[in-house]
């Protein structure tokens, strides 16, 4: 395994810088850019992306960058590329709701090798540079999964951009899941549910539509913490996958996948 100490140092620096920037911003930031119906950026999204991109260019000048707000059309190369979502949960931050996160992932030859998720709701950041060791801030994460209920985060935010067939399948999936399991369903309207699946705050997550920057960082956390993630057809998740099902264990993943495939 490559020595990624420089990347770890970057995560420690940028997590604090991003948290400070967000905490000093307006609680209800103005919309800075309309992308398409129901999708927009706030000034915080843009400012956070700028500070991350600037720091990457300074520390890793030869790396490629794919970022939601300013570099979203960059193709994923065979070499190193940083994949950035400055604010995942823009609708939340625009309404003064603190359920949002910042996602930073690093891939090399289309394989994830490092990631960091800044959880602005708790002022924590989850990160790792491989080796199966996930850290929360500066502390090695120790899993404690002994609970008697199952909580699954279902992403509703993505539905605005999918066709009617996918919307109807999603509705059938929900009805099937409610009828056939005792799972508690929530929706944080951001990829925090993916990160929380990695550290055991929730037990599973489903999204039917996503861009790489939405879930790459949390995907690596899940993979390295022993969880399971596939696309919505049950095939191995790859950087180009659109839609994903994740769970802390095989039993929950199997039930989520079965409910979706049979919806």
C-alpha atoms as a PDB file:
ATOM      1  CA  UNK A   1       0.000   0.000   0.000  1.00  0.00           C
ATOM      2  CA  UNK A   2       1.258   3.449  -0.885  1.00  0.00           C
ATOM      3  CA  UNK A   3       2.222   5.893   1.829  1.00  0.00           C
ATOM      4  CA  UNK A   4      -0.551   8.489   1.848  1.00  0.00           C
ATOM      5  CA  UNK A   5       0.597  10.602   4.776  1.00  0.00           C
ATOM      6  CA  UNK A   6       0.482  13.764   2.663  1.00  0.00           C
ATOM      7  CA  UNK A   7      -3.146  13.021   1.845  1.00  0.00           C
ATOM      8  CA  UNK A   8      -3.936  12.406   5.519  1.00  0.00           C
ATOM      9  CA  UNK A   9      -2.300  15.732   6.429  1.00  0.00           C
ATOM     10  CA  UNK A  10      -4.433  17.402   3.778  1.00  0.00           C
ATOM     11  CA  UNK A  11      -7.627  15.928   5.250  1.00  0.00           C
ATOM     12  CA  UNK A  12      -6.783  17.242   8.721  1.00  0.00           C
ATOM     13  CA  UNK A  13      -6.116  20.706   7.334  1.00  0.00           C
ATOM     14  CA  UNK A  14      -9.028  20.969   4.929  1.00  0.00           C
ATOM     15  CA  UNK A  15     -11.650  19.573   7.326  1.00  0.00           C
ATOM     16  CA  UNK A  16     -10.935  22.366   9.794  1.00  0.00           C
ATOM     17  CA  UNK A  17     -10.736  25.012   7.049  1.00  0.00           C
ATOM     18  CA  UNK A  18     -14.061  23.941   5.565  1.00  0.00           C
ATOM     19  CA  UNK A  19     -15.809  23.774   8.933  1.00  0.00           C
ATOM     20  CA  UNK A  20     -14.594  27.267   9.788  1.00  0.00           C
ATOM     21  CA  UNK A  21     -15.761  28.626   6.441  1.00  0.00           C
ATOM     22  CA  UNK A  22     -19.216  27.065   6.778  1.00  0.00           C
ATOM     23  CA  UNK A  23     -19.679  28.131  10.397  1.00  0.00           C
ATOM     24  CA  UNK A  24     -18.877  31.745   9.508  1.00  0.00           C
ATOM     25  CA  UNK A  25     -21.328  31.831   6.571  1.00  0.00           C
ATOM     26  CA  UNK A  26     -24.927  33.029   6.685  1.00  0.00           C
ATOM     27  CA  UNK A  27     -27.307  30.531   8.236  1.00  0.00           C
ATOM     28  CA  UNK A  28     -29.597  30.860   5.214  1.00  0.00           C
ATOM     29  CA  UNK A  29     -27.177  31.476   2.336  1.00  0.00           C
ATOM     30  CA  UNK A  30     -28.508  32.996  -0.854  1.00  0.00           C
ATOM     31  CA  UNK A  31     -28.785  30.987  -4.068  1.00  0.00           C
ATOM     32  CA  UNK A  32     -25.771  31.809  -6.216  1.00  0.00           C
ATOM     33  CA  UNK A  33     -26.479  29.693  -9.305  1.00  0.00           C
ATOM     34  CA  UNK A  34     -29.469  27.862 -10.769  1.00  0.00           C
ATOM     35  CA  UNK A  35     -28.456  24.651 -12.558  1.00  0.00           C
ATOM     36  CA  UNK A  36     -31.778  23.111 -13.590  1.00  0.00           C
ATOM     37  CA  UNK A  37     -35.244  22.789 -12.125  1.00  0.00           C
ATOM     38  CA  UNK A  38     -34.953  22.038  -8.425  1.00  0.00           C
ATOM     39  CA  UNK A  39     -31.144  22.153  -8.445  1.00  0.00           C
ATOM     40  CA  UNK A  40     -29.024  25.095  -7.412  1.00  0.00           C
ATOM     41  CA  UNK A  41     -25.848  26.165  -5.622  1.00  0.00           C
ATOM     42  CA  UNK A  42     -25.414  28.575  -2.750  1.00  0.00           C
ATOM     43  CA  UNK A  43     -22.420  30.822  -2.304  1.00  0.00           C
ATOM     44  CA  UNK A  44     -21.256  28.448   0.434  1.00  0.00           C
ATOM     45  CA  UNK A  45     -21.101  25.569  -2.082  1.00  0.00           C
ATOM     46  CA  UNK A  46     -18.908  27.647  -4.353  1.00  0.00           C
ATOM     47  CA  UNK A  47     -16.663  29.037  -1.600  1.00  0.00           C
ATOM     48  CA  UNK A  48     -16.088  25.594  -0.075  1.00  0.00           C
ATOM     49  CA  UNK A  49     -15.215  24.102  -3.452  1.00  0.00           C
ATOM     50  CA  UNK A  50     -12.807  26.944  -4.186  1.00  0.00           C
ATOM     51  CA  UNK A  51     -10.866  26.453  -0.965  1.00  0.00           C
ATOM     52  CA  UNK A  52     -10.630  22.670  -1.488  1.00  0.00           C
ATOM     53  CA  UNK A  53      -9.564  22.936  -5.129  1.00  0.00           C
ATOM     54  CA  UNK A  54      -7.022  25.655  -4.342  1.00  0.00           C
ATOM     55  CA  UNK A  55      -5.418  23.549  -1.615  1.00  0.00           C
ATOM     56  CA  UNK A  56      -5.289  20.426  -3.805  1.00  0.00           C
ATOM     57  CA  UNK A  57      -3.605  22.368  -6.604  1.00  0.00           C
ATOM     58  CA  UNK A  58      -1.050  23.634  -4.130  1.00  0.00           C
ATOM     59  CA  UNK A  59      -0.287  20.260  -2.516  1.00  0.00           C
ATOM     60  CA  UNK A  60      -0.871  17.871  -5.436  1.00  0.00           C
ATOM     61  CA  UNK A  61      -0.323  19.919  -8.613  1.00  0.00           C
ATOM     62  CA  UNK A  62      -0.241  16.920 -10.963  1.00  0.00           C
ATOM     63  CA  UNK A  63      -3.571  15.441  -9.869  1.00  0.00           C
ATOM     64  CA  UNK A  64      -6.838  15.787 -11.769  1.00  0.00           C
ATOM     65  CA  UNK A  65      -9.939  17.249 -10.129  1.00  0.00           C
ATOM     66  CA  UNK A  66     -13.640  16.468 -10.611  1.00  0.00           C
ATOM     67  CA  UNK A  67     -15.777  18.908  -8.620  1.00  0.00           C
ATOM     68  CA  UNK A  68     -19.516  19.541  -8.711  1.00  0.00           C
ATOM     69  CA  UNK A  69     -19.633  23.307  -9.025  1.00  0.00           C
ATOM     70  CA  UNK A  70     -16.750  24.280 -11.309  1.00  0.00           C
ATOM     71  CA  UNK A  71     -15.230  21.121 -12.810  1.00  0.00           C
ATOM     72  CA  UNK A  72     -18.151  18.741 -13.213  1.00  0.00           C
ATOM     73  CA  UNK A  73     -17.415  17.745 -16.820  1.00  0.00           C
ATOM     74  CA  UNK A  74     -13.943  16.333 -16.166  1.00  0.00           C
ATOM     75  CA  UNK A  75     -13.619  12.702 -17.295  1.00  0.00           C
ATOM     76  CA  UNK A  76     -12.256  10.195 -14.791  1.00  0.00           C
ATOM     77  CA  UNK A  77      -8.730   9.312 -15.987  1.00  0.00           C
ATOM     78  CA  UNK A  78      -6.529   6.314 -15.294  1.00  0.00           C
ATOM     79  CA  UNK A  79      -4.314   8.371 -12.980  1.00  0.00           C
ATOM     80  CA  UNK A  80      -5.084  10.198  -9.743  1.00  0.00           C
ATOM     81  CA  UNK A  81      -8.226  12.284  -9.463  1.00  0.00           C
ATOM     82  CA  UNK A  82      -9.862  14.091  -6.555  1.00  0.00           C
ATOM     83  CA  UNK A  83     -13.667  13.863  -6.535  1.00  0.00           C
ATOM     84  CA  UNK A  84     -15.359  16.679  -4.619  1.00  0.00           C
ATOM     85  CA  UNK A  85     -18.841  17.604  -3.493  1.00  0.00           C
ATOM     86  CA  UNK A  86     -18.402  20.823  -1.508  1.00  0.00           C
ATOM     87  CA  UNK A  87     -21.863  20.699   0.062  1.00  0.00           C
ATOM     88  CA  UNK A  88     -23.983  17.569  -0.254  1.00  0.00           C
ATOM     89  CA  UNK A  89     -27.374  18.655   1.039  1.00  0.00           C
ATOM     90  CA  UNK A  90     -27.597  22.084  -0.586  1.00  0.00           C
ATOM     91  CA  UNK A  91     -31.377  22.183  -0.149  1.00  0.00           C
ATOM     92  CA  UNK A  92     -30.840  21.661   3.563  1.00  0.00           C
ATOM     93  CA  UNK A  93     -28.223  24.378   4.029  1.00  0.00           C
ATOM     94  CA  UNK A  94     -30.316  26.834   2.006  1.00  0.00           C
ATOM     95  CA  UNK A  95     -33.179  26.311   4.472  1.00  0.00           C
ATOM     96  CA  UNK A  96     -30.998  26.576   7.556  1.00  0.00           C
ATOM     97  CA  UNK A  97     -31.087  22.811   8.200  1.00  0.00           C
ATOM     98  CA  UNK A  98     -27.714  21.467   9.291  1.00  0.00           C
ATOM     99  CA  UNK A  99     -27.945  18.003   7.698  1.00  0.00           C
ATOM    100  CA  UNK A 100     -25.237  18.394   5.077  1.00  0.00           C
ATOM    101  CA  UNK A 101     -21.672  17.300   4.499  1.00  0.00           C
ATOM    102  CA  UNK A 102     -18.566  17.896   2.418  1.00  0.00           C
ATOM    103  CA  UNK A 103     -17.258  14.923   0.412  1.00  0.00           C
ATOM    104  CA  UNK A 104     -13.662  14.517  -0.749  1.00  0.00           C
ATOM    105  CA  UNK A 105     -12.417  11.312  -2.353  1.00  0.00           C
ATOM    106  CA  UNK A 106      -9.203  10.340  -4.112  1.00  0.00           C
ATOM    107  CA  UNK A 107      -9.103   7.676  -6.810  1.00  0.00           C
ATOM    108  CA  UNK A 108      -6.105   6.237  -8.628  1.00  0.00           C
ATOM    109  CA  UNK A 109      -6.628   4.183 -11.784  1.00  0.00           C
ATOM    110  CA  UNK A 110     -10.374   4.317 -11.040  1.00  0.00           C
ATOM    111  CA  UNK A 111      -9.930   2.739  -7.605  1.00  0.00           C
ATOM    112  CA  UNK A 112     -10.690   4.706  -4.449  1.00  0.00           C
ATOM    113  CA  UNK A 113      -7.657   5.056  -2.189  1.00  0.00           C
ATOM    114  CA  UNK A 114      -8.551   7.804   0.305  1.00  0.00           C
ATOM    115  CA  UNK A 115     -11.546   9.821   1.422  1.00  0.00           C
ATOM    116  CA  UNK A 116     -12.847  12.355   3.896  1.00  0.00           C
ATOM    117  CA  UNK A 117     -16.422  13.317   4.791  1.00  0.00           C
ATOM    118  CA  UNK A 118     -16.977  16.431   6.879  1.00  0.00           C
ATOM    119  CA  UNK A 119     -20.205  16.127   8.882  1.00  0.00           C
ATOM    120  CA  UNK A 120     -21.282  19.717   9.516  1.00  0.00           C
ATOM    121  CA  UNK A 121     -24.196  18.646  11.699  1.00  0.00           C
ATOM    122  CA  UNK A 122     -21.828  17.220  14.320  1.00  0.00           C
ATOM    123  CA  UNK A 123     -18.608  19.109  13.519  1.00  0.00           C
ATOM    124  CA  UNK A 124     -16.905  15.761  12.891  1.00  0.00           C
ATOM    125  CA  UNK A 125     -14.956  14.434   9.961  1.00  0.00           C
ATOM    126  CA  UNK A 126     -14.587  10.797   8.955  1.00  0.00           C
ATOM    127  CA  UNK A 127     -11.523   9.889   6.955  1.00  0.00           C
ATOM    128  CA  UNK A 128      -9.142   7.147   5.927  1.00  0.00           C
ATOM    129  CA  UNK A 129      -6.245   6.473   3.619  1.00  0.00           C
ATOM    130  CA  UNK A 130      -6.828   2.747   3.169  1.00  0.00           C
ATOM    131  CA  UNK A 131      -5.763  -0.110   5.378  1.00  0.00           C
ATOM    132  CA  UNK A 132      -9.263  -0.682   6.738  1.00  0.00           C
ATOM    133  CA  UNK A 133      -8.808   1.984   9.426  1.00  0.00           C
ATOM    134  CA  UNK A 134     -11.513   4.626   9.606  1.00  0.00           C
ATOM    135  CA  UNK A 135     -10.940   7.659  11.818  1.00  0.00           C
ATOM    136  CA  UNK A 136     -13.388  10.107  13.353  1.00  0.00           C
ATOM    137  CA  UNK A 137     -11.402  13.315  13.716  1.00  0.00           C
ATOM    138  CA  UNK A 138      -8.139  12.071  15.254  1.00  0.00           C
ATOM    139  CA  UNK A 139      -9.543   8.924  16.843  1.00  0.00           C
ATOM    140  CA  UNK A 140      -9.584   5.442  15.339  1.00  0.00           C
ATOM    141  CA  UNK A 141     -13.201   4.405  14.853  1.00  0.00           C
ATOM    142  CA  UNK A 142     -14.233   1.351  16.876  1.00  0.00           C
ATOM    143  CA  UNK A 143     -17.491  -0.167  15.557  1.00  0.00           C
ATOM    144  CA  UNK A 144     -20.309  -0.870  17.982  1.00  0.00           C
ATOM    145  CA  UNK A 145     -23.209  -2.321  16.041  1.00  0.00           C
ATOM    146  CA  UNK A 146     -25.232  -3.940  18.839  1.00  0.00           C
ATOM    147  CA  UNK A 147     -28.700  -2.499  18.250  1.00  0.00           C
ATOM    148  CA  UNK A 148     -32.112  -4.104  18.065  1.00  0.00           C
ATOM    149  CA  UNK A 149     -33.655  -2.024  15.300  1.00  0.00           C
ATOM    150  CA  UNK A 150     -32.677  -1.294  11.706  1.00  0.00           C
ATOM    151  CA  UNK A 151     -32.648   2.260  10.341  1.00  0.00           C
ATOM    152  CA  UNK A 152     -32.375   2.821   6.592  1.00  0.00           C
ATOM    153  CA  UNK A 153     -31.858   6.194   4.900  1.00  0.00           C
ATOM    154  CA  UNK A 154     -33.747   6.433   1.595  1.00  0.00           C
ATOM    155  CA  UNK A 155     -32.675   9.310  -0.640  1.00  0.00           C
ATOM    156  CA  UNK A 156     -35.636  11.318  -1.916  1.00  0.00           C
ATOM    157  CA  UNK A 157     -33.636  14.273  -3.207  1.00  0.00           C
ATOM    158  CA  UNK A 158     -32.481  12.405  -6.301  1.00  0.00           C
ATOM    159  CA  UNK A 159     -36.031  11.660  -7.446  1.00  0.00           C
ATOM    160  CA  UNK A 160     -36.558  15.110  -8.928  1.00  0.00           C
ATOM    161  CA  UNK A 161     -34.137  14.292 -11.754  1.00  0.00           C
ATOM    162  CA  UNK A 162     -35.346  10.778 -12.697  1.00  0.00           C
ATOM    163  CA  UNK A 163     -38.060   9.677 -15.123  1.00  0.00           C
ATOM    164  CA  UNK A 164     -41.560   8.555 -14.158  1.00  0.00           C
ATOM    165  CA  UNK A 165     -40.690   4.851 -14.416  1.00  0.00           C
ATOM    166  CA  UNK A 166     -37.900   5.217 -11.850  1.00  0.00           C
ATOM    167  CA  UNK A 167     -40.154   7.247  -9.580  1.00  0.00           C
ATOM    168  CA  UNK A 168     -42.823   4.567  -9.678  1.00  0.00           C
ATOM    169  CA  UNK A 169     -40.274   1.822  -9.014  1.00  0.00           C
ATOM    170  CA  UNK A 170     -39.006   3.823  -6.055  1.00  0.00           C
ATOM    171  CA  UNK A 171     -42.566   4.102  -4.695  1.00  0.00           C
ATOM    172  CA  UNK A 172     -43.105   0.348  -5.076  1.00  0.00           C
ATOM    173  CA  UNK A 173     -39.781  -0.297  -3.346  1.00  0.00           C
ATOM    174  CA  UNK A 174     -40.857   1.799  -0.361  1.00  0.00           C
ATOM    175  CA  UNK A 175     -44.209   0.032  -0.098  1.00  0.00           C
ATOM    176  CA  UNK A 176     -42.512  -3.359  -0.308  1.00  0.00           C
ATOM    177  CA  UNK A 177     -39.879  -2.445   2.263  1.00  0.00           C
ATOM    178  CA  UNK A 178     -42.491  -1.157   4.700  1.00  0.00           C
ATOM    179  CA  UNK A 179     -44.717  -4.203   4.208  1.00  0.00           C
ATOM    180  CA  UNK A 180     -42.014  -6.869   4.408  1.00  0.00           C
ATOM    181  CA  UNK A 181     -39.515  -5.551   6.975  1.00  0.00           C
ATOM    182  CA  UNK A 182     -39.618  -3.863  10.330  1.00  0.00           C
ATOM    183  CA  UNK A 183     -37.078  -1.275   9.211  1.00  0.00           C
ATOM    184  CA  UNK A 184     -37.362   2.354  10.271  1.00  0.00           C
ATOM    185  CA  UNK A 185     -37.046   4.656   7.259  1.00  0.00           C
ATOM    186  CA  UNK A 186     -35.522   8.131   7.326  1.00  0.00           C
ATOM    187  CA  UNK A 187     -34.293  10.603   4.715  1.00  0.00           C
ATOM    188  CA  UNK A 188     -31.538  13.085   5.523  1.00  0.00           C
ATOM    189  CA  UNK A 189     -31.641  14.539   1.987  1.00  0.00           C
ATOM    190  CA  UNK A 190     -27.855  14.297   1.650  1.00  0.00           C
ATOM    191  CA  UNK A 191     -25.185  11.600   1.397  1.00  0.00           C
ATOM    192  CA  UNK A 192     -24.702  11.733   5.178  1.00  0.00           C
ATOM    193  CA  UNK A 193     -26.710   8.509   5.287  1.00  0.00           C
ATOM    194  CA  UNK A 194     -23.937   6.770   3.357  1.00  0.00           C
ATOM    195  CA  UNK A 195     -21.272   8.028   5.754  1.00  0.00           C
ATOM    196  CA  UNK A 196     -23.428   7.089   8.720  1.00  0.00           C
ATOM    197  CA  UNK A 197     -23.791   3.563   7.306  1.00  0.00           C
ATOM    198  CA  UNK A 198     -20.010   3.249   7.450  1.00  0.00           C
ATOM    199  CA  UNK A 199     -19.833   4.176  11.127  1.00  0.00           C
ATOM    200  CA  UNK A 200     -23.034   2.486  12.255  1.00  0.00           C
ATOM    201  CA  UNK A 201     -25.297   5.463  12.926  1.00  0.00           C
ATOM    202  CA  UNK A 202     -27.682   4.027  10.333  1.00  0.00           C
ATOM    203  CA  UNK A 203     -27.772   0.536   8.911  1.00  0.00           C
ATOM    204  CA  UNK A 204     -28.391   1.040   5.209  1.00  0.00           C
ATOM    205  CA  UNK A 205     -28.842   3.566   2.429  1.00  0.00           C
ATOM    206  CA  UNK A 206     -30.396   3.627  -1.035  1.00  0.00           C
ATOM    207  CA  UNK A 207     -30.196   6.188  -3.813  1.00  0.00           C
ATOM    208  CA  UNK A 208     -31.483   5.660  -7.341  1.00  0.00           C
ATOM    209  CA  UNK A 209     -29.504   8.466  -8.974  1.00  0.00           C
ATOM    210  CA  UNK A 210     -26.162  10.038  -8.184  1.00  0.00           C
ATOM    211  CA  UNK A 211     -23.022  11.630  -9.556  1.00  0.00           C
ATOM    212  CA  UNK A 212     -19.567  10.365  -8.535  1.00  0.00           C
ATOM    213  CA  UNK A 213     -19.039  13.323  -6.201  1.00  0.00           C
ATOM    214  CA  UNK A 214     -22.209  12.472  -4.276  1.00  0.00           C
ATOM    215  CA  UNK A 215     -21.091   9.159  -2.830  1.00  0.00           C
ATOM    216  CA  UNK A 216     -17.455   8.313  -3.676  1.00  0.00           C
ATOM    217  CA  UNK A 217     -16.101   9.507  -0.336  1.00  0.00           C
ATOM    218  CA  UNK A 218     -18.694   7.610   1.709  1.00  0.00           C
ATOM    219  CA  UNK A 219     -18.392   4.540  -0.526  1.00  0.00           C
ATOM    220  CA  UNK A 220     -14.738   4.146   0.421  1.00  0.00           C
ATOM    221  CA  UNK A 221     -15.627   4.525   4.105  1.00  0.00           C
ATOM    222  CA  UNK A 222     -18.223   1.763   3.746  1.00  0.00           C
ATOM    223  CA  UNK A 223     -15.914  -0.562   1.825  1.00  0.00           C
ATOM    224  CA  UNK A 224     -13.063  -0.152   4.287  1.00  0.00           C
ATOM    225  CA  UNK A 225     -15.233  -0.483   7.400  1.00  0.00           C
ATOM    226  CA  UNK A 226     -16.571  -3.873   6.306  1.00  0.00           C
ATOM    227  CA  UNK A 227     -19.908  -2.778   4.865  1.00  0.00           C
ATOM    228  CA  UNK A 228     -21.397  -3.751   1.520  1.00  0.00           C
ATOM    229  CA  UNK A 229     -22.199  -1.496  -1.431  1.00  0.00           C
ATOM    230  CA  UNK A 230     -23.444  -2.379  -4.918  1.00  0.00           C
ATOM    231  CA  UNK A 231     -25.351  -0.631  -7.642  1.00  0.00           C
ATOM    232  CA  UNK A 232     -29.153  -1.005  -7.627  1.00  0.00           C
ATOM    233  CA  UNK A 233     -28.894  -4.160  -9.753  1.00  0.00           C
ATOM    234  CA  UNK A 234     -26.608  -5.867  -7.252  1.00  0.00           C
ATOM    235  CA  UNK A 235     -23.532  -5.500  -9.444  1.00  0.00           C
ATOM    236  CA  UNK A 236     -20.188  -4.310  -8.013  1.00  0.00           C
ATOM    237  CA  UNK A 237     -20.163  -0.565  -7.441  1.00  0.00           C
ATOM    238  CA  UNK A 238     -17.759   1.406  -9.663  1.00  0.00           C
ATOM    239  CA  UNK A 239     -17.002   5.114  -9.968  1.00  0.00           C
ATOM    240  CA  UNK A 240     -19.403   5.463 -12.887  1.00  0.00           C
ATOM    241  CA  UNK A 241     -22.329   3.726 -11.143  1.00  0.00           C
ATOM    242  CA  UNK A 242     -25.573   5.697 -10.954  1.00  0.00           C
ATOM    243  CA  UNK A 243     -27.591   4.478  -8.016  1.00  0.00           C
ATOM    244  CA  UNK A 244     -26.357   2.478  -5.050  1.00  0.00           C
ATOM    245  CA  UNK A 245     -27.480   0.274  -2.182  1.00  0.00           C
ATOM    246  CA  UNK A 246     -25.300   0.120   0.914  1.00  0.00           C
ATOM    247  CA  UNK A 247     -25.627  -1.724   4.210  1.00  0.00           C
ATOM    248  CA  UNK A 248     -23.565  -2.519   7.262  1.00  0.00           C
ATOM    249  CA  UNK A 249     -23.959  -6.267   6.667  1.00  0.00           C
ATOM    250  CA  UNK A 250     -24.982  -8.823   4.070  1.00  0.00           C
ATOM    251  CA  UNK A 251     -28.399  -9.585   5.581  1.00  0.00           C
ATOM    252  CA  UNK A 252     -29.640  -5.994   5.422  1.00  0.00           C
ATOM    253  CA  UNK A 253     -28.136  -5.452   1.978  1.00  0.00           C
ATOM    254  CA  UNK A 254     -29.833  -8.587   0.673  1.00  0.00           C
ATOM    255  CA  UNK A 255     -33.253  -7.394   1.903  1.00  0.00           C
ATOM    256  CA  UNK A 256     -32.817  -3.906   0.459  1.00  0.00           C
ATOM    257  CA  UNK A 257     -31.654  -5.261  -2.878  1.00  0.00           C
ATOM    258  CA  UNK A 258     -34.446  -7.834  -3.052  1.00  0.00           C
ATOM    259  CA  UNK A 259     -37.089  -5.213  -2.267  1.00  0.00           C
ATOM    260  CA  UNK A 260     -35.762  -2.927  -4.990  1.00  0.00           C
ATOM    261  CA  UNK A 261     -35.306  -5.589  -7.666  1.00  0.00           C
ATOM    262  CA  UNK A 262     -38.775  -7.004  -7.045  1.00  0.00           C
ATOM    263  CA  UNK A 263     -40.548  -3.665  -6.837  1.00  0.00           C
END
